[in-house]
Structures are given as C-alpha cells and as structure tokens.
Amino acid sequence: MAGHVNWNGGLAGVFVDLHLMNRGDIITVHYEDTSQVSFMVHNIQRYPLDHDTRDVFIADDTMSHLNLITCDGDWDTTMDTHELRLVVFSTKI
C-alpha cells in the first residue's frame, strides 16, 4: 500500500509518520463491517529511488503480508521527488 508523506504546500500525507514505525509494532486494518486484521512489523528498509525493488515484494512463505511504502530522504529538485522510498514490511498475526 503506497501513500504520500506530504503534499504540495507542505500538507501532511497519510504516511507522514510512517518513519516512526519500529520492528514489533502492530498495524491494524479496520474494515467497514467492523472486522479487523492485524500485522506485525518485521522489517523497515529505505531504498534509493532508482533501486530495482521487484524482488522485495515477493514472498513464498504462504503468509499474508502488508507492506507500506512512502517517500523519504531529501527532496531532489531535478527529479521533483524524494530521493528514497521507505518500506515497512509486516506479516499478519
């Protein structure tokens, strides 16, 4: 699931605080029907914008995963985006 860290004009995005996550933190997804599912953070990585991340999102462990992705690092005025991508990896508990 990808979300913005911020918007033009400095407005906070949905993942403005994603960088505060730590291993062992719990992420709970609440559904409209009031059911919910929880995931535990097991890894946090930062990748350069041009890094090939295709293999990062492949899992063959039969577990359910939720990966949260947003921008991180310094703003690159040439590319008009942040220089890094922050990925929080979690597994259903």
Protein backbone atom coordinates (compact mmCIF):
# COMPACT_ATOMS: atom_id res chain seq x y z
CA MET A 1 0.00 0.00 0.00
CA ALA A 2 1.54 3.29 -1.07
CA GLY A 3 0.74 6.71 0.34
CA HIS A 4 2.14 10.20 0.34
CA VAL A 5 4.37 11.51 3.11
CA ASN A 6 3.40 15.08 2.19
CA TRP A 7 1.68 17.15 -0.49
CA ASN A 8 2.48 20.34 -2.37
CA GLY A 9 2.26 23.27 0.01
CA GLY A 10 3.59 21.22 2.92
CA LEU A 11 0.33 19.46 3.82
CA ALA A 12 0.84 16.18 5.66
CA GLY A 13 0.15 12.98 3.73
CA VAL A 14 -1.37 9.78 5.09
CA PHE A 15 2.09 8.31 5.80
CA VAL A 16 3.69 11.42 7.33
CA ASP A 17 4.56 9.43 10.47
CA LEU A 18 5.49 6.13 8.81
CA HIS A 19 9.16 6.76 9.62
CA LEU A 20 8.26 6.39 13.32
CA MET A 21 7.37 2.69 12.94
CA ASN A 22 9.61 0.11 14.62
CA ARG A 23 10.03 -3.65 14.41
CA GLY A 24 7.40 -5.28 16.58
CA ASP A 25 4.82 -2.51 16.08
CA ILE A 26 1.29 -3.64 15.27
CA ILE A 27 -0.68 -2.30 12.29
CA THR A 28 -4.42 -2.91 12.48
CA VAL A 29 -6.64 -2.58 9.42
CA HIS A 30 -10.27 -1.80 10.27
CA TYR A 31 -12.95 -2.76 7.77
CA GLU A 32 -16.27 -1.05 7.22
CA ASP A 33 -18.12 -4.10 8.61
CA THR A 34 -16.19 -3.58 11.91
CA SER A 35 -13.94 -6.61 11.38
CA GLN A 36 -10.22 -6.08 11.58
CA VAL A 37 -6.91 -7.76 10.81
CA SER A 38 -3.54 -7.07 12.45
CA PHE A 39 0.01 -7.22 11.14
CA MET A 40 3.34 -7.06 12.98
CA VAL A 41 6.21 -5.02 11.55
CA HIS A 42 9.20 -7.27 10.93
CA ASN A 43 11.46 -5.11 8.76
CA ILE A 44 11.96 -1.49 7.72
CA GLN A 45 14.09 -0.58 4.71
CA ARG A 46 14.97 2.52 2.73
CA TYR A 47 15.69 2.19 -0.98
CA PRO A 48 17.15 4.68 -3.46
CA LEU A 49 14.58 5.91 -5.96
CA ASP A 50 16.27 4.10 -8.83
CA HIS A 51 16.73 0.79 -6.94
CA ASP A 52 15.19 -2.29 -8.58
CA THR A 53 12.72 -3.43 -5.92
CA ARG A 54 10.84 -6.12 -7.87
CA ASP A 55 12.22 -8.92 -5.68
CA VAL A 56 11.45 -7.03 -2.47
CA PHE A 57 7.72 -7.67 -2.77
CA ILE A 58 7.82 -11.39 -3.49
CA ALA A 59 7.14 -13.85 -0.68
CA ASP A 60 6.69 -17.60 -0.94
CA ASP A 61 6.10 -18.31 2.74
CA THR A 62 2.26 -18.65 2.38
CA MET A 63 1.82 -15.86 4.97
CA SER A 64 -0.25 -12.72 4.46
CA HIS A 65 1.81 -9.54 4.31
CA LEU A 66 1.14 -5.81 4.32
CA ASN A 67 3.88 -3.53 3.02
CA LEU A 68 3.55 0.23 3.48
CA ILE A 69 5.51 2.50 1.13
CA THR A 70 6.16 6.23 1.09
CA CYS A 71 8.79 8.76 0.12
CA ASP A 72 11.74 9.52 2.40
CA GLY A 73 15.01 11.37 2.39
CA ASP A 74 15.89 14.70 0.85
CA TRP A 75 13.86 16.37 -1.88
CA ASP A 76 15.51 16.08 -5.31
CA THR A 77 14.55 19.23 -7.24
CA THR A 78 15.81 17.74 -10.51
CA MET A 79 13.62 14.63 -10.18
CA ASP A 80 10.82 16.54 -8.39
CA THR A 81 10.53 13.81 -5.75
CA HIS A 82 12.21 12.49 -2.61
CA GLU A 83 15.45 10.58 -3.09
CA LEU A 84 14.41 7.47 -1.14
CA ARG A 85 11.48 5.14 -0.64
CA LEU A 86 10.65 3.92 2.86
CA VAL A 87 9.12 0.44 3.06
CA VAL A 88 7.62 -1.02 6.22
CA PHE A 89 7.18 -4.79 5.95
CA SER A 90 4.63 -6.56 8.14
CA THR A 91 3.13 -10.02 8.48
CA LYS A 92 -0.37 -10.98 9.56
CA ILE A 93 -0.63 -12.13 13.17
